[in-house]
């Protein structure tokens, strides 16, 4: 069992029943947390400091604060976020209950940073991001993740973006994307409208390297492949299939960085092949009632 290096007191971690099964804890501590009966469950206590750090990341990301040490209190000094995923991308953690527990990111651009979706809002977190350098834009992938967009845009002096299909979730957005054609929103940064999960779902792709996919695409640990959230489609799975067809040969990336579900790095050629296979599978899907329990994490 791991001990707190500042006190040498064993830490008895737990996950309480407030968990909403957003999957973030399983992403950050995959050997320690699993899904059971519709929520995350702790498999065992951490055995070393590396595993303790994984649970600390999960705890500071968990939107319901369900991942806890025995004391029930998290030390801000142990907060690992923002967490570097690559030279140009930071995972922000501090997922919000008001954005369905979605992941959010900062991506480095030539003129500063762009924020893709948002963590929960607090002045302390906003100041932390501002200290990294200018944040020029807050990019919302779709309506489910819009809750804190205006707060962060105003605090950071950034432009807020959303697609017209979901503009009622951010009616005061500074920039509104329209239609289904890709649009360059900055040097090397392209918005790919992908209606399906919602009417206004968008992928943002930076330098044909990083694909911030919102809830449109994710890597499934269950299937070992790129998937769509077919069980949680608010608009139309048939429209999502059509969107995927339009994206073939146009959408190129190496990193898949979703709001929900696993992140994955792969060669661009592999990503293209998997997208083509996914598009073929999606042609056979038909709309069905939303069923959160059917998500293949």
Protein backbone atom coordinates (compact mmCIF):
# COMPACT_ATOMS: atom_id res chain seq x y z
CA UNK A 1 0.00 0.00 0.00
CA UNK A 2 1.29 3.47 -0.87
CA UNK A 3 2.03 6.01 1.84
CA UNK A 4 1.90 9.78 1.76
CA UNK A 5 5.56 10.82 1.40
CA UNK A 6 4.96 13.79 3.70
CA UNK A 7 3.56 11.73 6.57
CA UNK A 8 4.33 8.04 5.92
CA UNK A 9 0.67 7.35 6.72
CA UNK A 10 -0.98 4.73 4.47
CA UNK A 11 -3.68 6.17 2.22
CA UNK A 12 -6.85 4.11 1.97
CA UNK A 13 -8.43 5.32 -1.26
CA UNK A 14 -12.06 4.83 -2.21
CA UNK A 15 -14.61 5.80 -4.89
CA UNK A 16 -18.02 6.78 -3.57
CA UNK A 17 -21.45 6.24 -5.09
CA UNK A 18 -21.75 9.76 -6.48
CA UNK A 19 -19.77 8.52 -9.50
CA UNK A 20 -21.58 9.23 -12.80
CA UNK A 21 -19.50 6.79 -14.88
CA UNK A 22 -17.87 9.56 -16.94
CA UNK A 23 -14.79 7.28 -17.38
CA UNK A 24 -12.16 9.88 -16.47
CA UNK A 25 -10.80 7.95 -13.46
CA UNK A 26 -10.35 4.82 -15.57
CA UNK A 27 -8.44 6.81 -18.17
CA UNK A 28 -6.00 8.24 -15.63
CA UNK A 29 -5.60 5.17 -13.40
CA UNK A 30 -6.35 2.25 -15.72
CA UNK A 31 -4.73 -0.43 -13.53
CA UNK A 32 -6.50 0.71 -10.38
CA UNK A 33 -10.02 1.60 -11.50
CA UNK A 34 -12.53 -0.42 -13.51
CA UNK A 35 -16.18 -0.13 -14.49
CA UNK A 36 -18.68 -2.16 -12.51
CA UNK A 37 -22.47 -1.84 -12.26
CA UNK A 38 -22.52 1.47 -14.08
CA UNK A 39 -19.80 3.32 -12.18
CA UNK A 40 -16.09 3.29 -11.45
CA UNK A 41 -14.78 0.91 -8.79
CA UNK A 42 -11.37 0.84 -7.10
CA UNK A 43 -9.68 -2.49 -7.84
CA UNK A 44 -6.97 -2.19 -5.19
CA UNK A 45 -4.90 0.33 -3.26
CA UNK A 46 -1.85 1.93 -4.95
CA UNK A 47 1.37 -0.02 -4.43
CA UNK A 48 3.91 2.72 -5.09
CA UNK A 49 4.28 6.43 -5.65
CA UNK A 50 3.64 6.16 -9.40
CA UNK A 51 0.26 4.54 -8.78
CA UNK A 52 -0.52 7.07 -6.07
CA UNK A 53 0.11 9.84 -8.60
CA UNK A 54 -2.35 8.18 -10.97
CA UNK A 55 -5.07 8.24 -8.31
CA UNK A 56 -4.25 11.84 -7.45
CA UNK A 57 -4.76 12.77 -11.11
CA UNK A 58 -8.05 10.86 -11.15
CA UNK A 59 -9.16 12.58 -7.95
CA UNK A 60 -8.36 16.09 -9.21
CA UNK A 61 -10.15 15.36 -12.49
CA UNK A 62 -13.25 13.60 -11.11
CA UNK A 63 -16.27 15.90 -11.59
CA UNK A 64 -18.11 14.54 -8.54
CA UNK A 65 -15.00 14.35 -6.32
CA UNK A 66 -15.80 10.67 -5.84
CA UNK A 67 -12.16 9.51 -5.86
CA UNK A 68 -10.84 10.21 -2.37
CA UNK A 69 -8.03 9.31 0.04
CA UNK A 70 -9.08 8.21 3.51
CA UNK A 71 -8.80 11.77 4.84
CA UNK A 72 -11.35 12.89 2.26
CA UNK A 73 -9.22 15.95 1.58
CA UNK A 74 -7.08 16.64 -1.46
CA UNK A 75 -3.92 18.71 -1.10
CA UNK A 76 -3.71 21.39 -3.83
CA UNK A 77 0.03 20.81 -3.86
CA UNK A 78 -0.63 17.35 -5.31
CA UNK A 79 -2.66 18.67 -8.27
CA UNK A 80 -0.86 17.50 -11.46
CA UNK A 81 -2.89 19.61 -13.89
CA UNK A 82 -2.41 20.90 -16.51
CA UNK A 83 -0.87 17.58 -17.51
CA UNK A 84 1.31 17.48 -20.64
CA UNK A 85 0.20 14.85 -23.16
CA UNK A 86 2.64 16.02 -25.83
CA UNK A 87 4.77 19.09 -26.52
CA UNK A 88 1.76 21.01 -27.79
CA UNK A 89 -1.18 19.69 -25.74
CA UNK A 90 -2.15 19.90 -22.08
CA UNK A 91 -4.95 17.93 -20.42
CA UNK A 92 -6.71 20.29 -17.99
CA UNK A 93 -8.41 17.90 -15.56
CA UNK A 94 -10.91 19.43 -13.10
CA UNK A 95 -13.78 18.05 -15.17
CA UNK A 96 -17.13 19.71 -14.54
CA UNK A 97 -20.45 18.13 -13.63
CA UNK A 98 -22.02 20.86 -15.78
CA UNK A 99 -20.27 19.58 -18.91
CA UNK A 100 -21.12 15.92 -18.23
CA UNK A 101 -17.63 15.36 -16.82
CA UNK A 102 -15.91 15.98 -20.17
CA UNK A 103 -12.18 16.29 -20.69
CA UNK A 104 -10.79 19.61 -21.87
CA UNK A 105 -7.47 20.69 -23.35
CA UNK A 106 -5.10 23.54 -24.10
CA UNK A 107 -3.35 23.38 -27.48
CA UNK A 108 -0.32 25.54 -28.23
CA UNK A 109 -0.60 27.69 -31.35
CA UNK A 110 1.78 30.23 -32.93
CA UNK A 111 -0.01 33.14 -31.22
CA UNK A 112 -0.67 31.49 -27.85
CA UNK A 113 -3.05 28.77 -26.67
CA UNK A 114 -6.53 27.65 -27.60
CA UNK A 115 -8.79 25.95 -25.07
CA UNK A 116 -10.92 23.10 -26.40
CA UNK A 117 -13.99 22.65 -24.22
CA UNK A 118 -13.57 23.68 -20.61
CA UNK A 119 -12.89 22.42 -17.11
CA UNK A 120 -15.04 23.60 -14.22
CA UNK A 121 -14.67 27.32 -13.72
CA UNK A 122 -12.75 28.87 -10.86
CA UNK A 123 -10.64 31.98 -10.63
CA UNK A 124 -7.68 29.91 -9.41
CA UNK A 125 -7.81 27.68 -12.47
CA UNK A 126 -8.32 30.60 -14.85
CA UNK A 127 -5.29 32.36 -13.37
CA UNK A 128 -3.28 29.18 -13.78
CA UNK A 129 -4.06 29.05 -17.51
CA UNK A 130 -3.49 32.77 -18.01
CA UNK A 131 -0.01 32.38 -16.49
CA UNK A 132 0.92 29.98 -19.31
CA UNK A 133 0.55 32.75 -21.89
CA UNK A 134 -2.26 34.25 -23.96
CA UNK A 135 -5.32 32.09 -24.58
CA UNK A 136 -6.78 33.45 -27.82
CA UNK A 137 -9.79 31.20 -28.36
CA UNK A 138 -12.18 28.89 -26.51
CA UNK A 139 -13.46 26.25 -28.92
CA UNK A 140 -16.66 24.40 -28.00
CA UNK A 141 -17.07 21.02 -29.68
CA UNK A 142 -20.83 20.94 -29.01
CA UNK A 143 -23.65 22.01 -26.73
CA UNK A 144 -23.04 19.49 -23.92
CA UNK A 145 -19.68 21.10 -23.15
CA UNK A 146 -20.68 24.77 -23.41
CA UNK A 147 -21.48 25.62 -19.79
CA UNK A 148 -18.25 27.43 -18.76
CA UNK A 149 -17.24 28.73 -22.19
CA UNK A 150 -18.30 32.33 -21.73
CA UNK A 151 -16.72 32.57 -18.27
CA UNK A 152 -13.34 31.37 -19.52
CA UNK A 153 -13.48 33.46 -22.70
CA UNK A 154 -14.23 36.63 -20.75
CA UNK A 155 -11.62 35.96 -18.06
CA UNK A 156 -8.88 35.09 -20.57
CA UNK A 157 -9.75 37.69 -23.19
CA UNK A 158 -10.48 34.94 -25.72
CA UNK A 159 -13.01 34.50 -28.54
CA UNK A 160 -15.72 31.93 -27.93
CA UNK A 161 -16.60 29.59 -30.84
CA UNK A 162 -19.55 27.28 -31.41
CA UNK A 163 -21.42 25.85 -34.40
CA UNK A 164 -24.76 27.31 -35.46
CA UNK A 165 -26.44 23.96 -34.84
CA UNK A 166 -25.79 24.32 -31.10
CA UNK A 167 -25.66 28.11 -30.83
CA UNK A 168 -28.59 28.22 -28.42
CA UNK A 169 -26.21 26.69 -25.84
CA UNK A 170 -23.86 29.68 -26.27
CA UNK A 171 -25.95 32.47 -27.82
CA UNK A 172 -23.34 35.09 -26.94
CA UNK A 173 -20.53 33.29 -28.81
CA UNK A 174 -18.10 35.59 -30.61
CA UNK A 175 -17.70 33.33 -33.64
CA UNK A 176 -20.34 31.00 -35.08
CA UNK A 177 -19.35 28.20 -37.45
CA UNK A 178 -21.83 27.42 -40.21
CA UNK A 179 -22.56 24.57 -42.58
CA UNK A 180 -20.70 21.29 -42.91
CA UNK A 181 -17.53 22.30 -44.78
CA UNK A 182 -14.17 22.47 -42.96
CA UNK A 183 -13.22 26.01 -41.91
CA UNK A 184 -9.77 27.30 -40.93
CA UNK A 185 -10.22 29.11 -37.62
CA UNK A 186 -6.52 29.92 -37.27
CA UNK A 187 -3.19 29.05 -38.92
CA UNK A 188 -3.11 25.26 -39.14
CA UNK A 189 -6.26 24.93 -37.03
CA UNK A 190 -9.33 23.60 -38.85
CA UNK A 191 -12.91 23.12 -37.65
CA UNK A 192 -14.61 20.05 -39.15
CA UNK A 193 -18.39 20.20 -38.56
CA UNK A 194 -19.62 16.69 -37.81
CA UNK A 195 -23.36 16.76 -37.05
CA UNK A 196 -24.58 13.58 -35.43
CA UNK A 197 -23.98 13.42 -31.69
CA UNK A 198 -25.61 16.85 -31.68
CA UNK A 199 -26.72 19.05 -34.56
CA UNK A 200 -23.72 21.34 -34.03
CA UNK A 201 -20.93 18.87 -33.19
CA UNK A 202 -17.48 19.91 -34.43
CA UNK A 203 -14.01 18.37 -34.51
CA UNK A 204 -11.06 20.75 -34.21
CA UNK A 205 -7.83 19.53 -35.84
CA UNK A 206 -4.48 21.25 -35.29
CA UNK A 207 -1.67 20.77 -37.83
CA UNK A 208 -3.21 17.49 -39.03
CA UNK A 209 -1.83 16.10 -35.79
CA UNK A 210 -4.24 16.69 -32.90
CA UNK A 211 -7.94 15.89 -33.33
CA UNK A 212 -10.12 17.26 -30.54
CA UNK A 213 -13.22 15.20 -31.19
CA UNK A 214 -15.66 16.18 -28.44
CA UNK A 215 -18.21 13.38 -28.18
CA UNK A 216 -18.14 12.50 -31.88
CA UNK A 217 -15.25 10.00 -31.86
CA UNK A 218 -13.27 8.22 -29.17
CA UNK A 219 -10.95 5.26 -28.64
CA UNK A 220 -12.73 2.33 -27.02
CA UNK A 221 -10.78 0.08 -24.66
CA UNK A 222 -13.54 -2.50 -25.08
CA UNK A 223 -13.32 -2.81 -28.87
CA UNK A 224 -9.74 -1.63 -29.35
CA UNK A 225 -10.84 0.74 -32.09
CA UNK A 226 -12.12 4.22 -32.93
CA UNK A 227 -15.84 4.38 -32.18
CA UNK A 228 -18.81 6.73 -32.06
CA UNK A 229 -21.03 7.15 -29.02
CA UNK A 230 -23.89 5.37 -30.76
CA UNK A 231 -25.74 4.78 -27.47
CA UNK A 232 -25.62 8.51 -26.63
CA UNK A 233 -26.65 10.24 -29.83
CA UNK A 234 -28.84 13.25 -29.16
CA UNK A 235 -29.39 14.28 -32.79
CA UNK A 236 -29.04 11.49 -35.38
CA UNK A 237 -26.76 8.50 -35.83
CA UNK A 238 -27.71 8.49 -39.51
CA UNK A 239 -26.44 12.07 -39.79
CA UNK A 240 -23.26 11.05 -38.00
CA UNK A 241 -22.73 8.30 -40.56
CA UNK A 242 -23.17 10.84 -43.35
CA UNK A 243 -20.74 13.21 -41.61
CA UNK A 244 -18.12 10.46 -41.38
CA UNK A 245 -18.52 9.73 -45.09
CA UNK A 246 -17.84 13.41 -45.89
CA UNK A 247 -14.75 13.39 -43.69
CA UNK A 248 -13.00 10.48 -45.41
CA UNK A 249 -9.81 11.58 -47.12
CA UNK A 250 -10.21 15.05 -45.59
CA UNK A 251 -9.84 14.41 -41.87
CA UNK A 252 -6.24 13.58 -40.97
CA UNK A 253 -4.71 13.32 -37.50
CA UNK A 254 -2.33 11.35 -35.27
CA UNK A 255 -3.79 12.06 -31.83
CA UNK A 256 -7.45 11.37 -31.03
CA UNK A 257 -8.36 13.57 -28.05
CA UNK A 258 -12.04 13.14 -27.08
CA UNK A 259 -14.25 14.71 -24.47
CA UNK A 260 -15.38 11.28 -23.29
CA UNK A 261 -13.56 8.01 -23.85
CA UNK A 262 -9.94 7.05 -24.22
CA UNK A 263 -7.25 9.13 -25.91
CA UNK A 264 -5.09 7.44 -28.55
CA UNK A 265 -2.00 8.21 -30.61
CA UNK A 266 -1.51 6.40 -33.92
CA UNK A 267 0.08 6.99 -37.33
CA UNK A 268 -2.08 9.13 -39.62
CA UNK A 269 -2.40 6.23 -42.05
CA UNK A 270 -3.80 4.01 -39.31
CA UNK A 271 -6.24 6.70 -38.22
CA UNK A 272 -7.47 7.02 -41.81
CA UNK A 273 -7.91 3.26 -42.11
CA UNK A 274 -9.83 3.07 -38.84
CA UNK A 275 -12.07 5.98 -39.84
CA UNK A 276 -12.94 4.26 -43.11
CA UNK A 277 -13.81 1.08 -41.23
CA UNK A 278 -15.88 3.08 -38.72
CA UNK A 279 -17.77 4.83 -41.53
CA UNK A 280 -18.67 1.44 -42.98
CA UNK A 281 -19.94 0.21 -39.60
CA UNK A 282 -21.90 3.41 -39.03
CA UNK A 283 -23.83 3.00 -42.28
CA UNK A 284 -25.62 0.07 -40.62
CA UNK A 285 -26.58 1.91 -37.43
CA UNK A 286 -30.05 3.28 -36.80
CA UNK A 287 -31.31 5.73 -34.22
CA UNK A 288 -32.28 4.22 -30.86
CA UNK A 289 -33.17 5.55 -27.40
CA UNK A 290 -30.26 6.96 -25.43
CA UNK A 291 -28.75 4.33 -23.13
CA UNK A 292 -25.76 5.44 -21.04
CA UNK A 293 -25.25 1.89 -19.76
CA UNK A 294 -24.58 0.66 -23.31
CA UNK A 295 -21.49 2.83 -23.91
CA UNK A 296 -18.54 0.64 -24.85
CA UNK A 297 -15.82 2.43 -22.92
